Amino acid sequence: MGRGPSQLGVPTAVAVFPGDTTIRGIAEKQNNLVRWTEYDRRGHFAAMEAPDLLIADVREFFRSVR
């Protein structure tokens, strides 16, 4: 069986917007989950509906893993 991301220690971030199905339990088991952000603004298509929130979250994540 192959090695999963958590075995490699790859930092993973998840941004959850309303309308998305949360899968935190699975994400925590299979990944090195270092950031979990939940937003209350719409964003099922986050890149189009809430780009400001998504961009800020991505930038903050990468600042934390530098």
PDB file of N, CA and C in Angstrom:
ATOM      1  N   MET A   1       0.845  -1.168   0.000  1.00  0.00           N
ATOM      2  CA  MET A   1       0.000   0.000   0.000  1.00  0.00           C
ATOM      3  C   MET A   1       0.892   1.234   0.000  1.00  0.00           C
ATOM      4  N   GLY A   2       0.490   2.288  -0.728  1.00  0.00           N
ATOM      5  CA  GLY A   2       1.276   3.512  -0.822  1.00  0.00           C
ATOM      6  C   GLY A   2       1.247   4.312   0.465  1.00  0.00           C
ATOM      7  N   ARG A   3       2.165   5.240   0.532  1.00  0.00           N
ATOM      8  CA  ARG A   3       2.231   6.110   1.699  1.00  0.00           C
ATOM      9  C   ARG A   3       1.286   7.283   1.512  1.00  0.00           C
ATOM     10  N   GLY A   4       0.489   7.585   2.530  1.00  0.00           N
ATOM     11  CA  GLY A   4      -0.439   8.700   2.469  1.00  0.00           C
ATOM     12  C   GLY A   4       0.244  10.001   2.835  1.00  0.00           C
ATOM     13  N   PRO A   5      -0.385  11.159   2.533  1.00  0.00           N
ATOM     14  CA  PRO A   5       0.197  12.460   2.843  1.00  0.00           C
ATOM     15  C   PRO A   5       0.567  12.620   4.311  1.00  0.00           C
ATOM     16  N   SER A   6      -0.231  12.051   5.227  1.00  0.00           N
ATOM     17  CA  SER A   6       0.085  12.218   6.647  1.00  0.00           C
ATOM     18  C   SER A   6       1.371  11.498   7.013  1.00  0.00           C
ATOM     19  N   GLN A   7       1.657  10.410   6.332  1.00  0.00           N
ATOM     20  CA  GLN A   7       2.894   9.683   6.589  1.00  0.00           C
ATOM     21  C   GLN A   7       4.091  10.482   6.090  1.00  0.00           C
ATOM     22  N   LEU A   8       3.886  11.316   5.108  1.00  0.00           N
ATOM     23  CA  LEU A   8       4.961  12.139   4.573  1.00  0.00           C
ATOM     24  C   LEU A   8       5.078  13.458   5.322  1.00  0.00           C
ATOM     25  N   GLY A   9       4.050  13.809   6.085  1.00  0.00           N
ATOM     26  CA  GLY A   9       4.068  15.054   6.841  1.00  0.00           C
ATOM     27  C   GLY A   9       3.762  16.292   6.025  1.00  0.00           C
ATOM     28  N   VAL A  10       3.121  16.140   4.878  1.00  0.00           N
ATOM     29  CA  VAL A  10       2.795  17.284   4.031  1.00  0.00           C
ATOM     30  C   VAL A  10       1.732  18.138   4.716  1.00  0.00           C
ATOM     31  N   PRO A  11       2.029  19.420   5.002  1.00  0.00           N
ATOM     32  CA  PRO A  11       1.034  20.285   5.638  1.00  0.00           C
ATOM     33  C   PRO A  11      -0.174  20.484   4.716  1.00  0.00           C
ATOM     34  N   THR A  12      -1.366  20.395   5.298  1.00  0.00           N
ATOM     35  CA  THR A  12      -2.603  20.524   4.536  1.00  0.00           C
ATOM     36  C   THR A  12      -3.510  21.545   5.198  1.00  0.00           C
ATOM     37  N   ALA A  13      -4.163  22.369   4.376  1.00  0.00           N
ATOM     38  CA  ALA A  13      -5.119  23.354   4.871  1.00  0.00           C
ATOM     39  C   ALA A  13      -6.459  23.117   4.197  1.00  0.00           C
ATOM     40  N   VAL A  14      -7.539  23.368   4.936  1.00  0.00           N
ATOM     41  CA  VAL A  14      -8.888  23.226   4.399  1.00  0.00           C
ATOM     42  C   VAL A  14      -9.665  24.494   4.728  1.00  0.00           C
ATOM     43  N   ALA A  15     -10.303  25.069   3.717  1.00  0.00           N
ATOM     44  CA  ALA A  15     -11.197  26.209   3.907  1.00  0.00           C
ATOM     45  C   ALA A  15     -12.603  25.708   3.598  1.00  0.00           C
ATOM     46  N   VAL A  16     -13.498  25.831   4.562  1.00  0.00           N
ATOM     47  CA  VAL A  16     -14.857  25.318   4.418  1.00  0.00           C
ATOM     48  C   VAL A  16     -15.826  26.491   4.328  1.00  0.00           C
ATOM     49  N   PHE A  17     -16.587  26.519   3.258  1.00  0.00           N
ATOM     50  CA  PHE A  17     -17.575  27.567   3.039  1.00  0.00           C
ATOM     51  C   PHE A  17     -18.964  26.962   3.132  1.00  0.00           C
ATOM     52  N   PRO A  18     -19.982  27.767   3.477  1.00  0.00           N
ATOM     53  CA  PRO A  18     -21.344  27.238   3.543  1.00  0.00           C
ATOM     54  C   PRO A  18     -21.719  26.551   2.232  1.00  0.00           C
ATOM     55  N   GLY A  19     -22.370  25.427   2.343  1.00  0.00           N
ATOM     56  CA  GLY A  19     -22.742  24.655   1.171  1.00  0.00           C
ATOM     57  C   GLY A  19     -21.782  23.518   0.909  1.00  0.00           C
ATOM     58  N   ASP A  20     -20.604  23.587   1.515  1.00  0.00           N
ATOM     59  CA  ASP A  20     -19.637  22.493   1.367  1.00  0.00           C
ATOM     60  C   ASP A  20     -19.928  21.420   2.404  1.00  0.00           C
ATOM     61  N   THR A  21     -19.667  20.205   2.045  1.00  0.00           N
ATOM     62  CA  THR A  21     -19.811  19.105   2.985  1.00  0.00           C
ATOM     63  C   THR A  21     -18.516  18.990   3.772  1.00  0.00           C
ATOM     64  N   THR A  22     -18.622  19.030   5.080  1.00  0.00           N
ATOM     65  CA  THR A  22     -17.398  18.933   5.878  1.00  0.00           C
ATOM     66  C   THR A  22     -16.986  17.482   6.042  1.00  0.00           C
ATOM     67  N   ILE A  23     -15.720  17.272   5.912  1.00  0.00           N
ATOM     68  CA  ILE A  23     -15.156  15.922   6.023  1.00  0.00           C
ATOM     69  C   ILE A  23     -13.950  15.954   6.956  1.00  0.00           C
ATOM     70  N   ARG A  24     -14.080  16.706   8.020  1.00  0.00           N
ATOM     71  CA  ARG A  24     -12.937  16.915   8.908  1.00  0.00           C
ATOM     72  C   ARG A  24     -12.335  15.609   9.424  1.00  0.00           C
ATOM     73  N   GLY A  25     -13.151  14.649   9.832  1.00  0.00           N
ATOM     74  CA  GLY A  25     -12.644  13.389  10.356  1.00  0.00           C
ATOM     75  C   GLY A  25     -11.746  12.673   9.370  1.00  0.00           C
ATOM     76  N   ILE A  26     -12.172  12.628   8.122  1.00  0.00           N
ATOM     77  CA  ILE A  26     -11.371  11.984   7.079  1.00  0.00           C
ATOM     78  C   ILE A  26     -10.119  12.806   6.797  1.00  0.00           C
ATOM     79  N   ALA A  27     -10.280  14.104   6.711  1.00  0.00           N
ATOM     80  CA  ALA A  27      -9.135  14.973   6.423  1.00  0.00           C
ATOM     81  C   ALA A  27      -8.062  14.838   7.493  1.00  0.00           C
ATOM     82  N   GLU A  28      -8.463  14.764   8.761  1.00  0.00           N
ATOM     83  CA  GLU A  28      -7.492  14.642   9.847  1.00  0.00           C
ATOM     84  C   GLU A  28      -6.780  13.296   9.829  1.00  0.00           C
ATOM     85  N   LYS A  29      -7.485  12.236   9.457  1.00  0.00           N
ATOM     86  CA  LYS A  29      -6.876  10.901   9.440  1.00  0.00           C
ATOM     87  C   LYS A  29      -5.900  10.721   8.289  1.00  0.00           C
ATOM     88  N   GLN A  30      -6.196  11.327   7.147  1.00  0.00           N
ATOM     89  CA  GLN A  30      -5.411  11.077   5.950  1.00  0.00           C
ATOM     90  C   GLN A  30      -4.379  12.154   5.637  1.00  0.00           C
ATOM     91  N   ASN A  31      -4.390  13.247   6.377  1.00  0.00           N
ATOM     92  CA  ASN A  31      -3.501  14.365   6.068  1.00  0.00           C
ATOM     93  C   ASN A  31      -2.887  14.943   7.336  1.00  0.00           C
ATOM     94  N   ASN A  32      -1.834  15.685   7.158  1.00  0.00           N
ATOM     95  CA  ASN A  32      -1.239  16.457   8.247  1.00  0.00           C
ATOM     96  C   ASN A  32      -1.964  17.803   8.264  1.00  0.00           C
ATOM     97  N   LEU A  33      -3.139  17.825   8.856  1.00  0.00           N
ATOM     98  CA  LEU A  33      -4.014  18.990   8.839  1.00  0.00           C
ATOM     99  C   LEU A  33      -3.479  20.051   9.796  1.00  0.00           C
ATOM    100  N   VAL A  34      -2.981  21.151   9.224  1.00  0.00           N
ATOM    101  CA  VAL A  34      -2.399  22.216  10.040  1.00  0.00           C
ATOM    102  C   VAL A  34      -3.269  23.467  10.072  1.00  0.00           C
ATOM    103  N   ARG A  35      -4.270  23.520   9.204  1.00  0.00           N
ATOM    104  CA  ARG A  35      -5.151  24.697   9.174  1.00  0.00           C
ATOM    105  C   ARG A  35      -6.545  24.267   8.730  1.00  0.00           C
ATOM    106  N   TRP A  36      -7.540  24.651   9.510  1.00  0.00           N
ATOM    107  CA  TRP A  36      -8.947  24.380   9.189  1.00  0.00           C
ATOM    108  C   TRP A  36      -9.696  25.679   9.423  1.00  0.00           C
ATOM    109  N   THR A  37     -10.250  26.260   8.378  1.00  0.00           N
ATOM    110  CA  THR A  37     -10.944  27.536   8.482  1.00  0.00           C
ATOM    111  C   THR A  37     -12.372  27.373   7.996  1.00  0.00           C
ATOM    112  N   GLU A  38     -13.333  27.829   8.807  1.00  0.00           N
ATOM    113  CA  GLU A  38     -14.743  27.794   8.404  1.00  0.00           C
ATOM    114  C   GLU A  38     -15.237  29.229   8.241  1.00  0.00           C
ATOM    115  N   TYR A  39     -15.922  29.480   7.146  1.00  0.00           N
ATOM    116  CA  TYR A  39     -16.450  30.803   6.838  1.00  0.00           C
ATOM    117  C   TYR A  39     -17.962  30.780   6.851  1.00  0.00           C
ATOM    118  N   ASP A  40     -18.558  31.918   7.202  1.00  0.00           N
ATOM    119  CA  ASP A  40     -20.021  31.994   7.232  1.00  0.00           C
ATOM    120  C   ASP A  40     -20.587  32.673   5.988  1.00  0.00           C
ATOM    121  N   ARG A  41     -19.726  33.232   5.154  1.00  0.00           N
ATOM    122  CA  ARG A  41     -20.177  33.821   3.895  1.00  0.00           C
ATOM    123  C   ARG A  41     -20.308  32.751   2.839  1.00  0.00           C
ATOM    124  N   ARG A  42     -21.208  32.983   1.905  1.00  0.00           N
ATOM    125  CA  ARG A  42     -21.384  32.031   0.798  1.00  0.00           C
ATOM    126  C   ARG A  42     -20.069  31.763   0.115  1.00  0.00           C
ATOM    127  N   GLY A  43     -19.968  30.599  -0.473  1.00  0.00           N
ATOM    128  CA  GLY A  43     -18.746  30.306  -1.176  1.00  0.00           C
ATOM    129  C   GLY A  43     -18.657  28.893  -1.702  1.00  0.00           C
ATOM    130  N   HIS A  44     -19.769  28.293  -2.100  1.00  0.00           N
ATOM    131  CA  HIS A  44     -19.687  26.952  -2.654  1.00  0.00           C
ATOM    132  C   HIS A  44     -18.706  26.947  -3.823  1.00  0.00           C
ATOM    133  N   PHE A  45     -18.731  28.011  -4.605  1.00  0.00           N
ATOM    134  CA  PHE A  45     -17.731  28.235  -5.644  1.00  0.00           C
ATOM    135  C   PHE A  45     -16.855  29.385  -5.133  1.00  0.00           C
ATOM    136  N   ALA A  46     -16.072  29.092  -4.122  1.00  0.00           N
ATOM    137  CA  ALA A  46     -15.357  30.114  -3.356  1.00  0.00           C
ATOM    138  C   ALA A  46     -14.503  31.039  -4.218  1.00  0.00           C
ATOM    139  N   ALA A  47     -13.843  30.526  -5.203  1.00  0.00           N
ATOM    140  CA  ALA A  47     -12.967  31.358  -6.025  1.00  0.00           C
ATOM    141  C   ALA A  47     -13.741  32.449  -6.768  1.00  0.00           C
ATOM    142  N   MET A  48     -15.017  32.196  -7.050  1.00  0.00           N
ATOM    143  CA  MET A  48     -15.833  33.190  -7.746  1.00  0.00           C
ATOM    144  C   MET A  48     -16.705  33.993  -6.780  1.00  0.00           C
ATOM    145  N   GLU A  49     -17.194  33.375  -5.706  1.00  0.00           N
ATOM    146  CA  GLU A  49     -18.152  34.021  -4.821  1.00  0.00           C
ATOM    147  C   GLU A  49     -17.513  34.753  -3.646  1.00  0.00           C
ATOM    148  N   ALA A  50     -16.385  34.282  -3.183  1.00  0.00           N
ATOM    149  CA  ALA A  50     -15.714  34.912  -2.039  1.00  0.00           C
ATOM    150  C   ALA A  50     -14.195  34.896  -2.256  1.00  0.00           C
ATOM    151  N   PRO A  51     -13.732  35.459  -3.374  1.00  0.00           N
ATOM    152  CA  PRO A  51     -12.303  35.386  -3.671  1.00  0.00           C
ATOM    153  C   PRO A  51     -11.426  36.054  -2.614  1.00  0.00           C
ATOM    154  N   ASP A  52     -11.928  37.126  -2.000  1.00  0.00           N
ATOM    155  CA  ASP A  52     -11.141  37.808  -0.975  1.00  0.00           C
ATOM    156  C   ASP A  52     -10.845  36.884   0.211  1.00  0.00           C
ATOM    157  N   LEU A  53     -11.838  36.115   0.643  1.00  0.00           N
ATOM    158  CA  LEU A  53     -11.647  35.194   1.761  1.00  0.00           C
ATOM    159  C   LEU A  53     -10.713  34.050   1.382  1.00  0.00           C
ATOM    160  N   LEU A  54     -10.920  33.496   0.204  1.00  0.00           N
ATOM    161  CA  LEU A  54     -10.104  32.370  -0.240  1.00  0.00           C
ATOM    162  C   LEU A  54      -8.641  32.777  -0.415  1.00  0.00           C
ATOM    163  N   ILE A  55      -8.406  33.907  -1.060  1.00  0.00           N
ATOM    164  CA  ILE A  55      -7.026  34.375  -1.276  1.00  0.00           C
ATOM    165  C   ILE A  55      -6.336  34.648   0.051  1.00  0.00           C
ATOM    166  N   ALA A  56      -7.026  35.301   0.978  1.00  0.00           N
ATOM    167  CA  ALA A  56      -6.438  35.583   2.290  1.00  0.00           C
ATOM    168  C   ALA A  56      -6.094  34.288   3.019  1.00  0.00           C
ATOM    169  N   ASP A  57      -6.954  33.293   2.922  1.00  0.00           N
ATOM    170  CA  ASP A  57      -6.705  32.021   3.598  1.00  0.00           C
ATOM    171  C   ASP A  57      -5.510  31.298   2.995  1.00  0.00           C
ATOM    172  N   VAL A  58      -5.424  31.271   1.680  1.00  0.00           N
ATOM    173  CA  VAL A  58      -4.297  30.619   0.999  1.00  0.00           C
ATOM    174  C   VAL A  58      -2.988  31.324   1.362  1.00  0.00           C
ATOM    175  N   ARG A  59      -2.992  32.644   1.337  1.00  0.00           N
ATOM    176  CA  ARG A  59      -1.779  33.395   1.698  1.00  0.00           C
ATOM    177  C   ARG A  59      -1.349  33.119   3.132  1.00  0.00           C
ATOM    178  N   GLU A  60      -2.288  33.111   4.052  1.00  0.00           N
ATOM    179  CA  GLU A  60      -1.966  32.848   5.461  1.00  0.00           C
ATOM    180  C   GLU A  60      -1.405  31.452   5.643  1.00  0.00           C
ATOM    181  N   PHE A  61      -1.969  30.484   4.959  1.00  0.00           N
ATOM    182  CA  PHE A  61      -1.465  29.115   5.042  1.00  0.00           C
ATOM    183  C   PHE A  61      -0.007  29.045   4.597  1.00  0.00           C
ATOM    184  N   PHE A  62       0.283  29.619   3.433  1.00  0.00           N
ATOM    185  CA  PHE A  62       1.659  29.529   2.928  1.00  0.00           C
ATOM    186  C   PHE A  62       2.641  30.340   3.769  1.00  0.00           C
ATOM    187  N   ARG A  63       2.184  31.423   4.387  1.00  0.00           N
ATOM    188  CA  ARG A  63       3.057  32.143   5.332  1.00  0.00           C
ATOM    189  C   ARG A  63       3.444  31.238   6.497  1.00  0.00           C
ATOM    190  N   SER A  64       2.509  30.405   6.923  1.00  0.00           N
ATOM    191  CA  SER A  64       2.754  29.552   8.094  1.00  0.00           C
ATOM    192  C   SER A  64       3.676  28.369   7.797  1.00  0.00           C
ATOM    193  N   VAL A  65       3.835  28.000   6.530  1.00  0.00           N
ATOM    194  CA  VAL A  65       4.680  26.842   6.212  1.00  0.00           C
ATOM    195  C   VAL A  65       6.003  27.238   5.570  1.00  0.00           C
ATOM    196  N   ARG A  66       6.287  28.476   5.508  1.00  0.00           N
ATOM    197  CA  ARG A  66       7.574  28.924   4.940  1.00  0.00           C
ATOM    198  C   ARG A  66       8.718  28.501   5.797  1.00  0.00           C
TER     199      ARG A  66
END
